[in-house]
Amino acid sequence: DIEDADTEDPLWETPDYSSLGEELAPAA
């Protein structure tokens, strides 16, 4: 099911950044 974004700002995640505040391991 297509989800509604559950944060005020749109999702933005790259190998070295997480708008969700997730802890990131070094990019492989």
mmCIF file of all heavy atoms, coordinates in Angstrom:
data_MODEL
# 
_entry.id   MODEL 
# 
loop_
_atom_site.group_PDB 
_atom_site.id 
_atom_site.type_symbol 
_atom_site.label_atom_id 
_atom_site.label_alt_id 
_atom_site.label_comp_id 
_atom_site.label_asym_id 
_atom_site.label_entity_id 
_atom_site.label_seq_id 
_atom_site.pdbx_PDB_ins_code 
_atom_site.Cartn_x 
_atom_site.Cartn_y 
_atom_site.Cartn_z 
_atom_site.occupancy 
_atom_site.B_iso_or_equiv 
_atom_site.pdbx_formal_charge 
_atom_site.auth_seq_id 
_atom_site.auth_comp_id 
_atom_site.auth_asym_id 
_atom_site.auth_atom_id 
_atom_site.pdbx_PDB_model_num 
ATOM 1   N N   . ASP A 1 1  ? 0.876  -1.164 0.000  1.00 0.00 ? 1  ASP A N   1 
ATOM 2   C CA  . ASP A 1 1  ? 0.000  0.000  0.000  1.00 0.00 ? 1  ASP A CA  1 
ATOM 3   C C   . ASP A 1 1  ? 0.913  1.213  0.000  1.00 0.00 ? 1  ASP A C   1 
ATOM 4   O O   . ASP A 1 1  ? 1.891  1.267  0.754  1.00 0.00 ? 1  ASP A O   1 
ATOM 5   C CB  . ASP A 1 1  ? -0.894 0.031  1.246  1.00 0.00 ? 1  ASP A CB  1 
ATOM 6   C CG  . ASP A 1 1  ? -1.924 -1.088 1.236  1.00 0.00 ? 1  ASP A CG  1 
ATOM 7   O OD1 . ASP A 1 1  ? -2.534 -1.303 0.171  1.00 0.00 ? 1  ASP A OD1 1 
ATOM 8   O OD2 . ASP A 1 1  ? -2.098 -1.742 2.280  1.00 0.00 ? 1  ASP A OD2 1 
ATOM 9   N N   . ILE A 1 2  ? 0.595  2.191  -0.837 1.00 0.00 ? 2  ILE A N   1 
ATOM 10  C CA  . ILE A 1 2  ? 1.419  3.401  -0.872 1.00 0.00 ? 2  ILE A CA  1 
ATOM 11  C C   . ILE A 1 2  ? 1.236  4.143  0.438  1.00 0.00 ? 2  ILE A C   1 
ATOM 12  O O   . ILE A 1 2  ? 0.121  4.474  0.837  1.00 0.00 ? 2  ILE A O   1 
ATOM 13  C CB  . ILE A 1 2  ? 1.040  4.278  -2.068 1.00 0.00 ? 2  ILE A CB  1 
ATOM 14  C CG1 . ILE A 1 2  ? 1.333  3.514  -3.372 1.00 0.00 ? 2  ILE A CG1 1 
ATOM 15  C CG2 . ILE A 1 2  ? 1.824  5.587  -2.041 1.00 0.00 ? 2  ILE A CG2 1 
ATOM 16  C CD1 . ILE A 1 2  ? 0.901  4.245  -4.624 1.00 0.00 ? 2  ILE A CD1 1 
ATOM 17  N N   . GLU A 1 3  ? 2.338  4.385  1.108  1.00 0.00 ? 3  GLU A N   1 
ATOM 18  C CA  . GLU A 1 3  ? 2.290  4.965  2.443  1.00 0.00 ? 3  GLU A CA  1 
ATOM 19  C C   . GLU A 1 3  ? 2.145  6.472  2.390  1.00 0.00 ? 3  GLU A C   1 
ATOM 20  O O   . GLU A 1 3  ? 2.601  7.133  1.454  1.00 0.00 ? 3  GLU A O   1 
ATOM 21  C CB  . GLU A 1 3  ? 3.581  4.620  3.206  1.00 0.00 ? 3  GLU A CB  1 
ATOM 22  C CG  . GLU A 1 3  ? 3.832  3.128  3.331  1.00 0.00 ? 3  GLU A CG  1 
ATOM 23  C CD  . GLU A 1 3  ? 5.120  2.819  4.062  1.00 0.00 ? 3  GLU A CD  1 
ATOM 24  O OE1 . GLU A 1 3  ? 5.662  3.730  4.718  1.00 0.00 ? 3  GLU A OE1 1 
ATOM 25  O OE2 . GLU A 1 3  ? 5.582  1.677  3.983  1.00 0.00 ? 3  GLU A OE2 1 
ATOM 26  N N   . ASP A 1 4  ? 1.489  7.008  3.422  1.00 0.00 ? 4  ASP A N   1 
ATOM 27  C CA  . ASP A 1 4  ? 1.535  8.441  3.646  1.00 0.00 ? 4  ASP A CA  1 
ATOM 28  C C   . ASP A 1 4  ? 2.803  8.722  4.424  1.00 0.00 ? 4  ASP A C   1 
ATOM 29  O O   . ASP A 1 4  ? 3.146  7.990  5.359  1.00 0.00 ? 4  ASP A O   1 
ATOM 30  C CB  . ASP A 1 4  ? 0.323  8.916  4.452  1.00 0.00 ? 4  ASP A CB  1 
ATOM 31  C CG  . ASP A 1 4  ? -0.950 8.899  3.621  1.00 0.00 ? 4  ASP A CG  1 
ATOM 32  O OD1 . ASP A 1 4  ? -0.862 9.206  2.421  1.00 0.00 ? 4  ASP A OD1 1 
ATOM 33  O OD2 . ASP A 1 4  ? -2.008 8.561  4.168  1.00 0.00 ? 4  ASP A OD2 1 
ATOM 34  N N   . ALA A 1 5  ? 3.521  9.779  4.027  1.00 0.00 ? 5  ALA A N   1 
ATOM 35  C CA  . ALA A 1 5  ? 4.742  10.131 4.764  1.00 0.00 ? 5  ALA A CA  1 
ATOM 36  C C   . ALA A 1 5  ? 4.364  10.426 6.206  1.00 0.00 ? 5  ALA A C   1 
ATOM 37  O O   . ALA A 1 5  ? 3.425  11.167 6.482  1.00 0.00 ? 5  ALA A O   1 
ATOM 38  C CB  . ALA A 1 5  ? 5.407  11.336 4.129  1.00 0.00 ? 5  ALA A CB  1 
ATOM 39  N N   . ASP A 1 6  ? 5.084  9.814  7.155  1.00 0.00 ? 6  ASP A N   1 
ATOM 40  C CA  . ASP A 1 6  ? 4.722  9.981  8.560  1.00 0.00 ? 6  ASP A CA  1 
ATOM 41  C C   . ASP A 1 6  ? 5.594  11.019 9.256  1.00 0.00 ? 6  ASP A C   1 
ATOM 42  O O   . ASP A 1 6  ? 5.661  11.075 10.474 1.00 0.00 ? 6  ASP A O   1 
ATOM 43  C CB  . ASP A 1 6  ? 4.810  8.636  9.299  1.00 0.00 ? 6  ASP A CB  1 
ATOM 44  C CG  . ASP A 1 6  ? 6.167  7.966  9.146  1.00 0.00 ? 6  ASP A CG  1 
ATOM 45  O OD1 . ASP A 1 6  ? 7.068  8.584  8.536  1.00 0.00 ? 6  ASP A OD1 1 
ATOM 46  O OD2 . ASP A 1 6  ? 6.327  6.840  9.639  1.00 0.00 ? 6  ASP A OD2 1 
ATOM 47  N N   . THR A 1 7  ? 6.278  11.836 8.486  1.00 0.00 ? 7  THR A N   1 
ATOM 48  C CA  . THR A 1 7  ? 7.055  12.929 9.048  1.00 0.00 ? 7  THR A CA  1 
ATOM 49  C C   . THR A 1 7  ? 6.628  14.227 8.380  1.00 0.00 ? 7  THR A C   1 
ATOM 50  O O   . THR A 1 7  ? 6.066  14.223 7.285  1.00 0.00 ? 7  THR A O   1 
ATOM 51  C CB  . THR A 1 7  ? 8.566  12.721 8.818  1.00 0.00 ? 7  THR A CB  1 
ATOM 52  O OG1 . THR A 1 7  ? 8.810  12.599 7.413  1.00 0.00 ? 7  THR A OG1 1 
ATOM 53  C CG2 . THR A 1 7  ? 9.058  11.471 9.519  1.00 0.00 ? 7  THR A CG2 1 
ATOM 54  N N   . GLU A 1 8  ? 6.860  15.332 9.031  1.00 0.00 ? 8  GLU A N   1 
ATOM 55  C CA  . GLU A 1 8  ? 6.460  16.630 8.491  1.00 0.00 ? 8  GLU A CA  1 
ATOM 56  C C   . GLU A 1 8  ? 7.205  16.930 7.200  1.00 0.00 ? 8  GLU A C   1 
ATOM 57  O O   . GLU A 1 8  ? 6.630  17.465 6.252  1.00 0.00 ? 8  GLU A O   1 
ATOM 58  C CB  . GLU A 1 8  ? 6.744  17.730 9.524  1.00 0.00 ? 8  GLU A CB  1 
ATOM 59  C CG  . GLU A 1 8  ? 6.306  19.130 9.083  1.00 0.00 ? 8  GLU A CG  1 
ATOM 60  C CD  . GLU A 1 8  ? 4.811  19.256 8.903  1.00 0.00 ? 8  GLU A CD  1 
ATOM 61  O OE1 . GLU A 1 8  ? 4.059  18.495 9.545  1.00 0.00 ? 8  GLU A OE1 1 
ATOM 62  O OE2 . GLU A 1 8  ? 4.381  20.128 8.103  1.00 0.00 ? 8  GLU A OE2 1 
ATOM 63  N N   . ASP A 1 9  ? 8.489  16.570 7.157  1.00 0.00 ? 9  ASP A N   1 
ATOM 64  C CA  . ASP A 1 9  ? 9.288  16.809 5.960  1.00 0.00 ? 9  ASP A CA  1 
ATOM 65  C C   . ASP A 1 9  ? 9.382  15.527 5.144  1.00 0.00 ? 9  ASP A C   1 
ATOM 66  O O   . ASP A 1 9  ? 9.358  14.419 5.683  1.00 0.00 ? 9  ASP A O   1 
ATOM 67  C CB  . ASP A 1 9  ? 10.696 17.271 6.345  1.00 0.00 ? 9  ASP A CB  1 
ATOM 68  C CG  . ASP A 1 9  ? 10.674 18.601 7.065  1.00 0.00 ? 9  ASP A CG  1 
ATOM 69  O OD1 . ASP A 1 9  ? 9.918  19.483 6.635  1.00 0.00 ? 9  ASP A OD1 1 
ATOM 70  O OD2 . ASP A 1 9  ? 11.400 18.743 8.074  1.00 0.00 ? 9  ASP A OD2 1 
ATOM 71  N N   . PRO A 1 10 ? 9.514  15.647 3.819  1.00 0.00 ? 10 PRO A N   1 
ATOM 72  C CA  . PRO A 1 10 ? 9.651  14.448 2.991  1.00 0.00 ? 10 PRO A CA  1 
ATOM 73  C C   . PRO A 1 10 ? 10.891 13.641 3.368  1.00 0.00 ? 10 PRO A C   1 
ATOM 74  O O   . PRO A 1 10 ? 11.885 14.177 3.847  1.00 0.00 ? 10 PRO A O   1 
ATOM 75  C CB  . PRO A 1 10 ? 9.779  15.029 1.574  1.00 0.00 ? 10 PRO A CB  1 
ATOM 76  C CG  . PRO A 1 10 ? 9.138  16.368 1.638  1.00 0.00 ? 10 PRO A CG  1 
ATOM 77  C CD  . PRO A 1 10 ? 9.441  16.875 3.021  1.00 0.00 ? 10 PRO A CD  1 
ATOM 78  N N   . LEU A 1 11 ? 10.791 12.324 3.146  1.00 0.00 ? 11 LEU A N   1 
ATOM 79  C CA  . LEU A 1 11 ? 11.913 11.435 3.427  1.00 0.00 ? 11 LEU A CA  1 
ATOM 80  C C   . LEU A 1 11 ? 13.124 11.830 2.586  1.00 0.00 ? 11 LEU A C   1 
ATOM 81  O O   . LEU A 1 11 ? 13.001 12.121 1.400  1.00 0.00 ? 11 LEU A O   1 
ATOM 82  C CB  . LEU A 1 11 ? 11.512 9.995  3.084  1.00 0.00 ? 11 LEU A CB  1 
ATOM 83  C CG  . LEU A 1 11 ? 12.607 8.938  3.228  1.00 0.00 ? 11 LEU A CG  1 
ATOM 84  C CD1 . LEU A 1 11 ? 12.896 8.673  4.696  1.00 0.00 ? 11 LEU A CD1 1 
ATOM 85  C CD2 . LEU A 1 11 ? 12.193 7.641  2.532  1.00 0.00 ? 11 LEU A CD2 1 
ATOM 86  N N   . TRP A 1 12 ? 14.294 11.866 3.227  1.00 0.00 ? 12 TRP A N   1 
ATOM 87  C CA  . TRP A 1 12 ? 15.536 12.158 2.507  1.00 0.00 ? 12 TRP A CA  1 
ATOM 88  C C   . TRP A 1 12 ? 16.637 11.332 3.134  1.00 0.00 ? 12 TRP A C   1 
ATOM 89  O O   . TRP A 1 12 ? 17.085 11.607 4.239  1.00 0.00 ? 12 TRP A O   1 
ATOM 90  C CB  . TRP A 1 12 ? 15.873 13.646 2.583  1.00 0.00 ? 12 TRP A CB  1 
ATOM 91  C CG  . TRP A 1 12 ? 16.851 14.067 1.521  1.00 0.00 ? 12 TRP A CG  1 
ATOM 92  C CD1 . TRP A 1 12 ? 18.201 13.922 1.531  1.00 0.00 ? 12 TRP A CD1 1 
ATOM 93  C CD2 . TRP A 1 12 ? 16.526 14.687 0.277  1.00 0.00 ? 12 TRP A CD2 1 
ATOM 94  N NE1 . TRP A 1 12 ? 18.743 14.417 0.383  1.00 0.00 ? 12 TRP A NE1 1 
ATOM 95  C CE2 . TRP A 1 12 ? 17.741 14.903 -0.421 1.00 0.00 ? 12 TRP A CE2 1 
ATOM 96  C CE3 . TRP A 1 12 ? 15.333 15.095 -0.326 1.00 0.00 ? 12 TRP A CE3 1 
ATOM 97  C CZ2 . TRP A 1 12 ? 17.784 15.494 -1.672 1.00 0.00 ? 12 TRP A CZ2 1 
ATOM 98  C CZ3 . TRP A 1 12 ? 15.375 15.689 -1.563 1.00 0.00 ? 12 TRP A CZ3 1 
ATOM 99  C CH2 . TRP A 1 12 ? 16.594 15.889 -2.240 1.00 0.00 ? 12 TRP A CH2 1 
ATOM 100 N N   . GLU A 1 13 ? 17.075 10.294 2.440  1.00 0.00 ? 13 GLU A N   1 
ATOM 101 C CA  . GLU A 1 13 ? 18.114 9.421  2.967  1.00 0.00 ? 13 GLU A CA  1 
ATOM 102 C C   . GLU A 1 13 ? 19.107 9.091  1.870  1.00 0.00 ? 13 GLU A C   1 
ATOM 103 O O   . GLU A 1 13 ? 18.726 8.674  0.775  1.00 0.00 ? 13 GLU A O   1 
ATOM 104 C CB  . GLU A 1 13 ? 17.515 8.112  3.501  1.00 0.00 ? 13 GLU A CB  1 
ATOM 105 C CG  . GLU A 1 13 ? 16.687 8.295  4.748  1.00 0.00 ? 13 GLU A CG  1 
ATOM 106 C CD  . GLU A 1 13 ? 16.480 6.978  5.467  1.00 0.00 ? 13 GLU A CD  1 
ATOM 107 O OE1 . GLU A 1 13 ? 16.524 5.931  4.804  1.00 0.00 ? 13 GLU A OE1 1 
ATOM 108 O OE2 . GLU A 1 13 ? 16.303 6.999  6.686  1.00 0.00 ? 13 GLU A OE2 1 
ATOM 109 N N   . THR A 1 14 ? 20.364 9.275  2.177  1.00 0.00 ? 14 THR A N   1 
ATOM 110 C CA  . THR A 1 14 ? 21.443 8.901  1.282  1.00 0.00 ? 14 THR A CA  1 
ATOM 111 C C   . THR A 1 14 ? 22.395 7.998  2.072  1.00 0.00 ? 14 THR A C   1 
ATOM 112 O O   . THR A 1 14 ? 22.209 7.815  3.280  1.00 0.00 ? 14 THR A O   1 
ATOM 113 C CB  . THR A 1 14 ? 22.191 10.150 0.769  1.00 0.00 ? 14 THR A CB  1 
ATOM 114 O OG1 . THR A 1 14 ? 22.856 10.790 1.879  1.00 0.00 ? 14 THR A OG1 1 
ATOM 115 C CG2 . THR A 1 14 ? 21.222 11.144 0.118  1.00 0.00 ? 14 THR A CG2 1 
ATOM 116 N N   . PRO A 1 15 ? 23.394 7.422  1.435  1.00 0.00 ? 15 PRO A N   1 
ATOM 117 C CA  . PRO A 1 15 ? 24.301 6.557  2.186  1.00 0.00 ? 15 PRO A CA  1 
ATOM 118 C C   . PRO A 1 15 ? 24.962 7.224  3.390  1.00 0.00 ? 15 PRO A C   1 
ATOM 119 O O   . PRO A 1 15 ? 25.397 6.524  4.309  1.00 0.00 ? 15 PRO A O   1 
ATOM 120 C CB  . PRO A 1 15 ? 25.339 6.155  1.124  1.00 0.00 ? 15 PRO A CB  1 
ATOM 121 C CG  . PRO A 1 15 ? 24.541 6.115  -0.143 1.00 0.00 ? 15 PRO A CG  1 
ATOM 122 C CD  . PRO A 1 15 ? 23.610 7.295  -0.021 1.00 0.00 ? 15 PRO A CD  1 
ATOM 123 N N   . ASP A 1 16 ? 25.029 8.558  3.407  1.00 0.00 ? 16 ASP A N   1 
ATOM 124 C CA  . ASP A 1 16 ? 25.674 9.216  4.551  1.00 0.00 ? 16 ASP A CA  1 
ATOM 125 C C   . ASP A 1 16 ? 24.787 10.232 5.263  1.00 0.00 ? 16 ASP A C   1 
ATOM 126 O O   . ASP A 1 16 ? 25.267 11.048 6.035  1.00 0.00 ? 16 ASP A O   1 
ATOM 127 C CB  . ASP A 1 16 ? 26.985 9.885  4.114  1.00 0.00 ? 16 ASP A CB  1 
ATOM 128 C CG  . ASP A 1 16 ? 26.782 10.859 2.971  1.00 0.00 ? 16 ASP A CG  1 
ATOM 129 O OD1 . ASP A 1 16 ? 25.620 11.147 2.612  1.00 0.00 ? 16 ASP A OD1 1 
ATOM 130 O OD2 . ASP A 1 16 ? 27.794 11.346 2.425  1.00 0.00 ? 16 ASP A OD2 1 
ATOM 131 N N   . TYR A 1 17 ? 23.451 10.170 5.021  1.00 0.00 ? 17 TYR A N   1 
ATOM 132 C CA  . TYR A 1 17 ? 22.539 11.095 5.712  1.00 0.00 ? 17 TYR A CA  1 
ATOM 133 C C   . TYR A 1 17 ? 21.177 10.429 5.856  1.00 0.00 ? 17 TYR A C   1 
ATOM 134 O O   . TYR A 1 17 ? 20.710 9.743  4.941  1.00 0.00 ? 17 TYR A O   1 
ATOM 135 C CB  . TYR A 1 17 ? 22.383 12.396 4.928  1.00 0.00 ? 17 TYR A CB  1 
ATOM 136 C CG  . TYR A 1 17 ? 21.315 13.308 5.506  1.00 0.00 ? 17 TYR A CG  1 
ATOM 137 C CD1 . TYR A 1 17 ? 21.581 14.103 6.621  1.00 0.00 ? 17 TYR A CD1 1 
ATOM 138 C CD2 . TYR A 1 17 ? 20.024 13.343 4.965  1.00 0.00 ? 17 TYR A CD2 1 
ATOM 139 C CE1 . TYR A 1 17 ? 20.600 14.903 7.176  1.00 0.00 ? 17 TYR A CE1 1 
ATOM 140 C CE2 . TYR A 1 17 ? 19.046 14.151 5.512  1.00 0.00 ? 17 TYR A CE2 1 
ATOM 141 C CZ  . TYR A 1 17 ? 19.335 14.933 6.612  1.00 0.00 ? 17 TYR A CZ  1 
ATOM 142 O OH  . TYR A 1 17 ? 18.350 15.720 7.165  1.00 0.00 ? 17 TYR A OH  1 
ATOM 143 N N   . SER A 1 18 ? 20.525 10.658 7.007  1.00 0.00 ? 18 SER A N   1 
ATOM 144 C CA  . SER A 1 18 ? 19.178 10.140 7.228  1.00 0.00 ? 18 SER A CA  1 
ATOM 145 C C   . SER A 1 18 ? 18.308 11.221 7.842  1.00 0.00 ? 18 SER A C   1 
ATOM 146 O O   . SER A 1 18 ? 18.591 11.702 8.948  1.00 0.00 ? 18 SER A O   1 
ATOM 147 C CB  . SER A 1 18 ? 19.209 8.923  8.160  1.00 0.00 ? 18 SER A CB  1 
ATOM 148 O OG  . SER A 1 18 ? 17.882 8.558  8.538  1.00 0.00 ? 18 SER A OG  1 
ATOM 149 N N   . SER A 1 19 ? 17.237 11.622 7.149  1.00 0.00 ? 19 SER A N   1 
ATOM 150 C CA  . SER A 1 19 ? 16.313 12.603 7.714  1.00 0.00 ? 19 SER A CA  1 
ATOM 151 C C   . SER A 1 19 ? 15.517 11.996 8.868  1.00 0.00 ? 19 SER A C   1 
ATOM 152 O O   . SER A 1 19 ? 14.898 12.731 9.644  1.00 0.00 ? 19 SER A O   1 
ATOM 153 C CB  . SER A 1 19 ? 15.353 13.103 6.629  1.00 0.00 ? 19 SER A CB  1 
ATOM 154 O OG  . SER A 1 19 ? 14.515 12.061 6.151  1.00 0.00 ? 19 SER A OG  1 
ATOM 155 N N   . LEU A 1 20 ? 15.527 10.671 8.978  1.00 0.00 ? 20 LEU A N   1 
ATOM 156 C CA  . LEU A 1 20 ? 14.853 9.994  10.079 1.00 0.00 ? 20 LEU A CA  1 
ATOM 157 C C   . LEU A 1 20 ? 15.737 9.908  11.319 1.00 0.00 ? 20 LEU A C   1 
ATOM 158 O O   . LEU A 1 20 ? 15.302 9.414  12.358 1.00 0.00 ? 20 LEU A O   1 
ATOM 159 C CB  . LEU A 1 20 ? 14.445 8.577  9.655  1.00 0.00 ? 20 LEU A CB  1 
ATOM 160 C CG  . LEU A 1 20 ? 13.495 8.492  8.450  1.00 0.00 ? 20 LEU A CG  1 
ATOM 161 C CD1 . LEU A 1 20 ? 13.230 7.035  8.093  1.00 0.00 ? 20 LEU A CD1 1 
ATOM 162 C CD2 . LEU A 1 20 ? 12.192 9.215  8.732  1.00 0.00 ? 20 LEU A CD2 1 
ATOM 163 N N   . GLY A 1 21 ? 16.970 10.366 11.201 1.00 0.00 ? 21 GLY A N   1 
ATOM 164 C CA  . GLY A 1 21 ? 17.880 10.354 12.331 1.00 0.00 ? 21 GLY A CA  1 
ATOM 165 C C   . GLY A 1 21 ? 18.476 8.989  12.631 1.00 0.00 ? 21 GLY A C   1 
ATOM 166 O O   . GLY A 1 21 ? 18.993 8.754  13.733 1.00 0.00 ? 21 GLY A O   1 
ATOM 167 N N   . GLU A 1 22 ? 18.445 8.078  11.660 1.00 0.00 ? 22 GLU A N   1 
ATOM 168 C CA  . GLU A 1 22 ? 18.999 6.752  11.889 1.00 0.00 ? 22 GLU A CA  1 
ATOM 169 C C   . GLU A 1 22 ? 20.523 6.808  11.983 1.00 0.00 ? 22 GLU A C   1 
ATOM 170 O O   . GLU A 1 22 ? 21.172 7.582  11.291 1.00 0.00 ? 22 GLU A O   1 
ATOM 171 C CB  . GLU A 1 22 ? 18.597 5.809  10.756 1.00 0.00 ? 22 GLU A CB  1 
ATOM 172 C CG  . GLU A 1 22 ? 17.107 5.495  10.712 1.00 0.00 ? 22 GLU A CG  1 
ATOM 173 C CD  . GLU A 1 22 ? 16.767 4.474  9.656  1.00 0.00 ? 22 GLU A CD  1 
ATOM 174 O OE1 . GLU A 1 22 ? 17.680 4.082  8.904  1.00 0.00 ? 22 GLU A OE1 1 
ATOM 175 O OE2 . GLU A 1 22 ? 15.591 4.075  9.575  1.00 0.00 ? 22 GLU A OE2 1 
ATOM 176 N N   . GLU A 1 23 ? 21.052 5.962  12.836 1.00 0.00 ? 23 GLU A N   1 
ATOM 177 C CA  . GLU A 1 23 ? 22.504 5.855  12.935 1.00 0.00 ? 23 GLU A CA  1 
ATOM 178 C C   . GLU A 1 23 ? 23.006 5.079  11.726 1.00 0.00 ? 23 GLU A C   1 
ATOM 179 O O   . GLU A 1 23 ? 22.504 3.990  11.423 1.00 0.00 ? 23 GLU A O   1 
ATOM 180 C CB  . GLU A 1 23 ? 22.904 5.152  14.232 1.00 0.00 ? 23 GLU A CB  1 
ATOM 181 C CG  . GLU A 1 23 ? 24.404 5.121  14.474 1.00 0.00 ? 23 GLU A CG  1 
ATOM 182 C CD  . GLU A 1 23 ? 24.750 4.569  15.837 1.00 0.00 ? 23 GLU A CD  1 
ATOM 183 O OE1 . GLU A 1 23 ? 23.854 4.497  16.700 1.00 0.00 ? 23 GLU A OE1 1 
ATOM 184 O OE2 . GLU A 1 23 ? 25.929 4.196  16.018 1.00 0.00 ? 23 GLU A OE2 1 
ATOM 185 N N   . LEU A 1 24 ? 23.981 5.626  11.033 1.00 0.00 ? 24 LEU A N   1 
ATOM 186 C CA  . LEU A 1 24 ? 24.444 5.038  9.788  1.00 0.00 ? 24 LEU A CA  1 
ATOM 187 C C   . LEU A 1 24 ? 25.806 4.391  9.958  1.00 0.00 ? 24 LEU A C   1 
ATOM 188 O O   . LEU A 1 24 ? 26.707 4.983  10.550 1.00 0.00 ? 24 LEU A O   1 
ATOM 189 C CB  . LEU A 1 24 ? 24.516 6.103  8.691  1.00 0.00 ? 24 LEU A CB  1 
ATOM 190 C CG  . LEU A 1 24 ? 23.217 6.865  8.404  1.00 0.00 ? 24 LEU A CG  1 
ATOM 191 C CD1 . LEU A 1 24 ? 23.463 7.929  7.340  1.00 0.00 ? 24 LEU A CD1 1 
ATOM 192 C CD2 . LEU A 1 24 ? 22.123 5.919  7.963  1.00 0.00 ? 24 LEU A CD2 1 
ATOM 193 N N   . ALA A 1 25 ? 25.922 3.190  9.430  1.00 0.00 ? 25 ALA A N   1 
ATOM 194 C CA  . ALA A 1 25 ? 27.230 2.544  9.373  1.00 0.00 ? 25 ALA A CA  1 
ATOM 195 C C   . ALA A 1 25 ? 28.004 3.146  8.217  1.00 0.00 ? 25 ALA A C   1 
ATOM 196 O O   . ALA A 1 25 ? 27.424 3.708  7.289  1.00 0.00 ? 25 ALA A O   1 
ATOM 197 C CB  . ALA A 1 25 ? 27.056 1.042  9.172  1.00 0.00 ? 25 ALA A CB  1 
ATOM 198 N N   . PRO A 1 26 ? 29.322 3.063  8.258  1.00 0.00 ? 26 PRO A N   1 
ATOM 199 C CA  . PRO A 1 26 ? 30.104 3.578  7.119  1.00 0.00 ? 26 PRO A CA  1 
ATOM 200 C C   . PRO A 1 26 ? 29.633 2.945  5.817  1.00 0.00 ? 26 PRO A C   1 
ATOM 201 O O   . PRO A 1 26 ? 29.365 1.756  5.749  1.00 0.00 ? 26 PRO A O   1 
ATOM 202 C CB  . PRO A 1 26 ? 31.542 3.147  7.467  1.00 0.00 ? 26 PRO A CB  1 
ATOM 203 C CG  . PRO A 1 26 ? 31.547 2.986  8.951  1.00 0.00 ? 26 PRO A CG  1 
ATOM 204 C CD  . PRO A 1 26 ? 30.170 2.493  9.316  1.00 0.00 ? 26 PRO A CD  1 
ATOM 205 N N   . ALA A 1 27 ? 29.498 3.769  4.802  1.00 0.00 ? 27 ALA A N   1 
ATOM 206 C CA  . ALA A 1 27 ? 29.009 3.284  3.517  1.00 0.00 ? 27 ALA A CA  1 
ATOM 207 C C   . ALA A 1 27 ? 29.977 2.285  2.905  1.00 0.00 ? 27 ALA A C   1 
ATOM 208 O O   . ALA A 1 27 ? 31.177 2.512  2.854  1.00 0.00 ? 27 ALA A O   1 
ATOM 209 C CB  . ALA A 1 27 ? 28.782 4.456  2.567  1.00 0.00 ? 27 ALA A CB  1 
ATOM 210 N N   . ALA A 1 28 ? 29.427 1.167  2.455  1.00 0.00 ? 28 ALA A N   1 
ATOM 211 C CA  . ALA A 1 28 ? 30.238 0.152  1.789  1.00 0.00 ? 28 ALA A CA  1 
ATOM 212 C C   . ALA A 1 28 ? 30.285 0.436  0.295  1.00 0.00 ? 28 ALA A C   1 
ATOM 213 O O   . ALA A 1 28 ? 29.406 1.097  -0.244 1.00 0.00 ? 28 ALA A O   1 
ATOM 214 C CB  . ALA A 1 28 ? 29.632 -1.228 2.048  1.00 0.00 ? 28 ALA A CB  1 
# 
